[in-house]
């Protein structure tokens, strides 16, 4: 029997051939994962887009909107660097449309949405699922005035074929720019302090605990506990609401406007604490507020100042300054 000898050169050629075959197989597999889209599908999604925003901004036809969106539709709205992403179910999405564009008592200024058609791209994962991306612009429309651009954003949508009809299952909007509504003003140099270090670490940790205890009563509507943490001589300064010197009035306002509707979120690492000799401490920090009644939107960070008094071992709030 003749022995077959494989020379180094032959071994190298065989290895190259195997690598080429594997590469071709992978390339073929990858090409079948995302199939090329058809212009017919692009046109269909653009037509549905037009129907959707005509129903939102012009006719308030919620039945038309529900016909385009899947029952388990979810909307994610990016609100820029300082805001949390808002998440809405189909029912919340429809409710916000009714409130903002259909209810004459609460409706906001008339809006117009412009689709940048040349930005549209469609990617089909399989025969029943497709992803559409594009750019859109929103304008405020007022009689006798040019339309004012208020937002430009990029969107990404997942479409699913259900019973022969394409339904929008998910949309994510990424804020690109929000033009300033006010004319530019001269910006003065802003003082940036050195990094904060507590003078009294024990006091700092104690006030952190009191902050957590107080705002837990705020978030859970434990008004009895809240009352015990406020001084009877409370003064509450609010940049929009003004001054309140009634402890019971502040608690009643929280009961009516905050309980079950708004939660407070502390900005991590923002708190500073300074001792006040023979009195207590002053706390300075930043926090946000999440509005559960409006789709879970979160406010931009606002600055607060709280003056704490310690009497007979008991901490109470005597002064609050709330700035937005």
Protein backbone atom coordinates (compact mmCIF):
# COMPACT_ATOMS: atom_id res chain seq x y z
CA UNK A 1 0.00 0.00 0.00
CA UNK A 2 1.34 3.37 -1.00
CA UNK A 3 1.53 5.87 1.84
CA UNK A 4 0.11 9.31 1.05
CA UNK A 5 2.47 12.09 2.03
CA UNK A 6 1.08 15.53 2.82
CA UNK A 7 3.70 18.16 2.40
CA UNK A 8 3.63 21.42 4.43
CA UNK A 9 2.54 23.27 1.30
CA UNK A 10 -0.39 20.90 0.75
CA UNK A 11 -1.34 21.20 4.45
CA UNK A 12 -1.37 25.01 4.12
CA UNK A 13 -3.54 24.86 0.97
CA UNK A 14 -6.04 22.53 2.71
CA UNK A 15 -6.22 24.89 5.71
CA UNK A 16 -6.87 27.87 3.43
CA UNK A 17 -9.62 25.96 1.61
CA UNK A 18 -11.32 25.00 4.90
CA UNK A 19 -11.18 28.61 6.13
CA UNK A 20 -12.70 29.86 2.87
CA UNK A 21 -15.56 27.35 3.11
CA UNK A 22 -16.28 28.31 6.74
CA UNK A 23 -16.18 32.02 5.85
CA UNK A 24 -18.62 31.52 2.97
CA UNK A 25 -20.96 29.53 5.20
CA UNK A 26 -20.93 32.27 7.86
CA UNK A 27 -21.46 34.98 5.26
CA UNK A 28 -24.42 33.10 3.82
CA UNK A 29 -25.92 32.62 7.30
CA UNK A 30 -25.50 36.30 8.15
CA UNK A 31 -27.17 37.39 4.92
CA UNK A 32 -30.24 35.33 5.73
CA UNK A 33 -30.56 36.86 9.22
CA UNK A 34 -31.52 40.32 7.92
CA UNK A 35 -33.24 40.10 4.56
CA UNK A 36 -33.27 43.04 2.15
CA UNK A 37 -36.42 45.13 2.42
CA UNK A 38 -38.73 46.02 -0.45
CA UNK A 39 -39.81 49.50 -1.49
CA UNK A 40 -43.40 48.28 -1.14
CA UNK A 41 -42.82 47.70 2.58
CA UNK A 42 -41.17 51.13 2.98
CA UNK A 43 -44.15 52.79 1.27
CA UNK A 44 -46.58 50.85 3.46
CA UNK A 45 -44.91 52.02 6.67
CA UNK A 46 -44.76 55.62 5.43
CA UNK A 47 -48.51 55.48 4.66
CA UNK A 48 -49.25 54.12 8.15
CA UNK A 49 -47.03 56.84 9.62
CA UNK A 50 -49.06 59.49 7.79
CA UNK A 51 -52.35 58.01 8.99
CA UNK A 52 -51.09 57.79 12.57
CA UNK A 53 -50.03 61.42 12.91
CA UNK A 54 -53.06 62.72 11.02
CA UNK A 55 -55.17 60.94 13.65
CA UNK A 56 -53.01 62.29 16.51
CA UNK A 57 -52.79 65.97 15.51
CA UNK A 58 -55.78 66.58 13.20
CA UNK A 59 -58.74 64.23 13.64
CA UNK A 60 -58.18 62.83 17.16
CA UNK A 61 -59.43 59.52 15.76
CA UNK A 62 -58.27 57.15 18.49
CA UNK A 63 -59.85 54.17 16.68
CA UNK A 64 -57.50 54.80 13.76
CA UNK A 65 -54.56 54.99 16.15
CA UNK A 66 -55.56 51.72 17.83
CA UNK A 67 -55.87 50.08 14.40
CA UNK A 68 -52.22 50.88 13.65
CA UNK A 69 -50.72 50.02 17.05
CA UNK A 70 -50.45 46.51 18.51
CA UNK A 71 -52.39 45.75 21.68
CA UNK A 72 -49.09 45.30 23.57
CA UNK A 73 -47.56 48.47 22.06
CA UNK A 74 -44.92 50.22 24.21
CA UNK A 75 -43.64 53.78 23.66
CA UNK A 76 -40.22 54.88 24.95
CA UNK A 77 -39.54 58.63 24.83
CA UNK A 78 -36.02 59.89 25.37
CA UNK A 79 -36.03 63.39 26.89
CA UNK A 80 -32.39 64.36 26.68
CA UNK A 81 -29.35 64.10 28.90
CA UNK A 82 -30.91 65.29 32.18
CA UNK A 83 -34.21 63.41 31.98
CA UNK A 84 -35.26 59.81 32.45
CA UNK A 85 -36.78 58.00 29.49
CA UNK A 86 -40.59 58.02 29.72
CA UNK A 87 -42.39 54.72 29.13
CA UNK A 88 -46.02 54.44 28.06
CA UNK A 89 -48.31 51.50 27.40
CA UNK A 90 -50.92 51.67 24.65
CA UNK A 91 -53.61 52.83 27.09
CA UNK A 92 -51.32 55.54 28.54
CA UNK A 93 -50.30 56.62 25.04
CA UNK A 94 -53.94 57.00 23.95
CA UNK A 95 -54.84 58.81 27.21
CA UNK A 96 -52.04 61.37 26.67
CA UNK A 97 -53.17 62.00 23.11
CA UNK A 98 -56.73 62.64 24.29
CA UNK A 99 -55.51 64.99 27.02
CA UNK A 100 -52.96 66.94 24.96
CA UNK A 101 -54.60 67.10 21.54
CA UNK A 102 -58.30 66.28 21.85
CA UNK A 103 -59.54 67.73 25.16
CA UNK A 104 -60.19 71.42 24.48
CA UNK A 105 -59.95 72.21 28.21
CA UNK A 106 -56.40 70.86 28.52
CA UNK A 107 -55.18 70.69 24.92
CA UNK A 108 -51.82 72.26 24.19
CA UNK A 109 -51.03 74.45 21.14
CA UNK A 110 -51.68 72.86 17.75
CA UNK A 111 -48.78 70.74 16.54
CA UNK A 112 -47.52 69.51 13.20
CA UNK A 113 -45.15 66.61 12.61
CA UNK A 114 -42.87 66.34 9.59
CA UNK A 115 -41.33 63.03 8.50
CA UNK A 116 -37.91 63.28 6.83
CA UNK A 117 -38.68 60.69 4.13
CA UNK A 118 -35.14 60.35 2.84
CA UNK A 119 -34.08 59.24 6.34
CA UNK A 120 -36.34 56.17 6.37
CA UNK A 121 -34.70 52.75 6.55
CA UNK A 122 -36.40 49.36 6.96
CA UNK A 123 -34.76 46.11 8.07
CA UNK A 124 -36.68 42.81 7.98
CA UNK A 125 -35.63 40.19 10.50
CA UNK A 126 -38.02 37.59 9.09
CA UNK A 127 -41.36 37.43 7.28
CA UNK A 128 -43.32 38.80 10.26
CA UNK A 129 -40.95 41.28 11.97
CA UNK A 130 -39.39 44.49 10.66
CA UNK A 131 -37.56 47.48 12.14
CA UNK A 132 -38.04 50.98 10.75
CA UNK A 133 -35.82 53.96 11.59
CA UNK A 134 -36.01 57.60 10.57
CA UNK A 135 -35.92 61.26 11.57
CA UNK A 136 -38.89 63.48 12.44
CA UNK A 137 -39.50 67.14 13.31
CA UNK A 138 -42.27 68.69 15.41
CA UNK A 139 -43.60 72.22 14.95
CA UNK A 140 -45.97 74.46 16.89
CA UNK A 141 -48.60 75.90 14.55
CA UNK A 142 -50.16 79.31 15.26
CA UNK A 143 -52.44 81.44 13.06
CA UNK A 144 -50.63 84.24 11.27
CA UNK A 145 -47.18 83.05 12.39
CA UNK A 146 -44.58 80.80 10.79
CA UNK A 147 -44.48 77.27 12.17
CA UNK A 148 -41.93 77.04 15.01
CA UNK A 149 -39.64 74.02 15.22
CA UNK A 150 -39.63 72.69 18.81
CA UNK A 151 -38.08 69.24 18.45
CA UNK A 152 -36.09 67.04 16.12
CA UNK A 153 -35.75 63.39 17.04
CA UNK A 154 -34.81 60.04 15.59
CA UNK A 155 -37.21 57.13 15.99
CA UNK A 156 -36.90 53.37 15.84
CA UNK A 157 -40.00 51.20 15.43
CA UNK A 158 -40.63 47.49 15.54
CA UNK A 159 -43.45 46.32 13.26
CA UNK A 160 -45.08 42.89 13.46
CA UNK A 161 -47.32 41.21 10.90
CA UNK A 162 -50.51 40.17 12.69
CA UNK A 163 -53.40 38.53 10.81
CA UNK A 164 -52.14 39.91 7.51
CA UNK A 165 -51.71 43.49 8.75
CA UNK A 166 -48.55 45.24 9.98
CA UNK A 167 -48.91 46.55 13.56
CA UNK A 168 -46.51 48.85 15.36
CA UNK A 169 -45.34 46.92 18.44
CA UNK A 170 -42.72 49.29 19.85
CA UNK A 171 -41.39 52.80 19.26
CA UNK A 172 -38.31 54.46 20.72
CA UNK A 173 -37.81 58.21 20.15
CA UNK A 174 -34.32 59.65 20.66
CA UNK A 175 -34.20 63.41 21.20
CA UNK A 176 -31.69 65.01 18.82
CA UNK A 177 -32.28 68.68 19.52
CA UNK A 178 -34.75 71.03 21.15
CA UNK A 179 -34.31 74.60 19.87
CA UNK A 180 -34.31 77.25 22.59
CA UNK A 181 -37.73 78.85 23.00
CA UNK A 182 -36.22 82.07 24.36
CA UNK A 183 -33.71 84.41 22.73
CA UNK A 184 -30.11 83.83 23.70
CA UNK A 185 -28.81 85.88 26.61
CA UNK A 186 -25.28 86.77 27.58
CA UNK A 187 -23.88 83.99 29.74
CA UNK A 188 -21.84 85.11 32.75
CA UNK A 189 -18.99 82.89 33.98
CA UNK A 190 -20.36 80.33 36.43
CA UNK A 191 -18.47 79.71 39.66
CA UNK A 192 -17.58 76.06 40.18
CA UNK A 193 -16.72 75.27 43.82
CA UNK A 194 -14.17 72.76 44.98
CA UNK A 195 -15.29 69.20 45.65
CA UNK A 196 -17.36 69.00 48.84
CA UNK A 197 -15.93 67.28 51.92
CA UNK A 198 -18.05 67.09 55.12
CA UNK A 199 -16.67 69.05 58.08
CA UNK A 200 -18.50 66.67 60.41
CA UNK A 201 -18.88 63.21 58.89
CA UNK A 202 -21.11 61.96 61.72
CA UNK A 203 -23.49 64.90 61.24
CA UNK A 204 -23.42 64.39 57.46
CA UNK A 205 -24.48 60.74 57.82
CA UNK A 206 -27.14 61.68 60.38
CA UNK A 207 -28.73 64.23 58.03
CA UNK A 208 -28.60 61.74 55.15
CA UNK A 209 -30.68 59.40 57.29
CA UNK A 210 -33.14 62.19 58.20
CA UNK A 211 -33.46 63.16 54.51
CA UNK A 212 -34.28 59.54 53.65
CA UNK A 213 -36.79 59.26 56.51
CA UNK A 214 -38.58 62.48 55.59
CA UNK A 215 -38.87 61.81 51.87
CA UNK A 216 -39.99 58.24 52.53
CA UNK A 217 -43.03 59.79 54.24
CA UNK A 218 -43.40 62.02 51.16
CA UNK A 219 -43.28 59.08 48.72
CA UNK A 220 -45.50 56.76 50.81
CA UNK A 221 -47.94 59.45 52.00
CA UNK A 222 -47.23 58.72 55.68
CA UNK A 223 -48.60 62.08 56.79
CA UNK A 224 -48.55 61.27 60.51
CA UNK A 225 -44.82 60.56 60.43
CA UNK A 226 -44.28 63.59 58.18
CA UNK A 227 -46.01 65.80 60.73
CA UNK A 228 -43.61 64.63 63.46
CA UNK A 229 -40.60 65.57 61.32
CA UNK A 230 -41.81 69.15 60.71
CA UNK A 231 -41.57 72.01 63.20
CA UNK A 232 -44.75 73.87 64.11
CA UNK A 233 -42.88 77.04 63.09
CA UNK A 234 -42.22 75.65 59.58
CA UNK A 235 -41.55 78.13 56.75
CA UNK A 236 -41.66 76.70 53.23
CA UNK A 237 -40.27 78.86 50.40
CA UNK A 238 -41.14 77.70 46.87
CA UNK A 239 -39.87 79.59 43.83
CA UNK A 240 -43.19 79.09 42.03
CA UNK A 241 -45.70 78.75 44.86
CA UNK A 242 -44.30 81.44 47.14
CA UNK A 243 -44.08 81.34 50.96
CA UNK A 244 -46.18 79.12 53.21
CA UNK A 245 -45.98 79.48 57.00
CA UNK A 246 -48.72 76.96 57.79
CA UNK A 247 -47.47 73.48 58.65
CA UNK A 248 -50.97 72.03 58.31
CA UNK A 249 -51.37 73.84 54.98
CA UNK A 250 -48.15 72.31 53.60
CA UNK A 251 -49.21 68.82 54.68
CA UNK A 252 -52.68 69.30 53.20
CA UNK A 253 -51.13 70.44 49.89
CA UNK A 254 -48.92 67.34 49.85
CA UNK A 255 -51.95 65.15 50.57
CA UNK A 256 -53.97 66.67 47.72
CA UNK A 257 -51.26 67.15 45.08
CA UNK A 258 -48.49 64.65 45.81
CA UNK A 259 -49.89 61.48 47.44
CA UNK A 260 -50.03 58.67 44.88
CA UNK A 261 -49.13 61.08 42.08
CA UNK A 262 -45.54 62.26 42.53
CA UNK A 263 -42.36 60.66 43.89
CA UNK A 264 -39.13 62.37 44.91
CA UNK A 265 -35.80 61.04 43.58
CA UNK A 266 -32.58 62.25 45.21
CA UNK A 267 -29.70 63.02 42.84
CA UNK A 268 -26.94 60.73 44.19
CA UNK A 269 -23.89 62.49 45.59
CA UNK A 270 -25.49 65.95 45.53
CA UNK A 271 -26.07 66.50 49.26
CA UNK A 272 -23.92 68.86 51.33
CA UNK A 273 -24.38 69.31 55.10
CA UNK A 274 -23.11 72.17 57.24
CA UNK A 275 -23.45 72.48 61.05
CA UNK A 276 -25.27 75.42 62.63
CA UNK A 277 -23.84 75.96 66.09
CA UNK A 278 -26.29 75.41 68.98
CA UNK A 279 -29.14 74.84 66.52
CA UNK A 280 -28.73 71.97 64.03
CA UNK A 281 -27.70 71.77 60.41
CA UNK A 282 -28.36 73.04 56.90
CA UNK A 283 -28.75 70.51 54.07
CA UNK A 284 -28.25 71.49 50.41
CA UNK A 285 -28.81 69.16 47.47
CA UNK A 286 -30.55 68.35 44.19
CA UNK A 287 -33.55 66.15 43.53
CA UNK A 288 -36.01 65.22 40.78
CA UNK A 289 -39.74 64.50 40.85
CA UNK A 290 -41.46 61.71 38.92
CA UNK A 291 -45.05 62.48 37.89
CA UNK A 292 -46.93 59.16 37.78
CA UNK A 293 -50.11 60.90 36.62
CA UNK A 294 -48.39 62.05 33.40
CA UNK A 295 -46.83 58.88 32.08
CA UNK A 296 -44.00 58.75 34.61
CA UNK A 297 -42.17 61.84 33.36
CA UNK A 298 -39.26 62.98 35.52
CA UNK A 299 -38.39 66.63 36.11
CA UNK A 300 -34.96 68.13 35.59
CA UNK A 301 -32.85 68.37 38.78
CA UNK A 302 -33.97 71.12 41.17
CA UNK A 303 -31.99 72.57 44.08
CA UNK A 304 -33.27 72.44 47.65
CA UNK A 305 -32.17 73.80 51.02
CA UNK A 306 -33.47 72.33 54.29
CA UNK A 307 -32.69 73.72 57.75
CA UNK A 308 -32.88 71.09 60.48
CA UNK A 309 -33.20 71.83 64.20
CA UNK A 310 -32.29 69.32 66.89
CA UNK A 311 -34.16 69.71 70.16
CA UNK A 312 -33.92 67.15 72.96
CA UNK A 313 -32.45 64.63 70.51
CA UNK A 314 -35.29 65.11 67.99
CA UNK A 315 -34.59 66.39 64.45
CA UNK A 316 -37.26 68.56 62.79
CA UNK A 317 -37.43 70.65 59.62
CA UNK A 318 -37.86 74.35 60.34
CA UNK A 319 -37.15 75.91 56.92
CA UNK A 320 -37.34 74.66 53.33
CA UNK A 321 -36.29 76.43 50.13
CA UNK A 322 -37.36 74.58 46.96
CA UNK A 323 -36.01 75.78 43.60
CA UNK A 324 -36.86 74.36 40.16
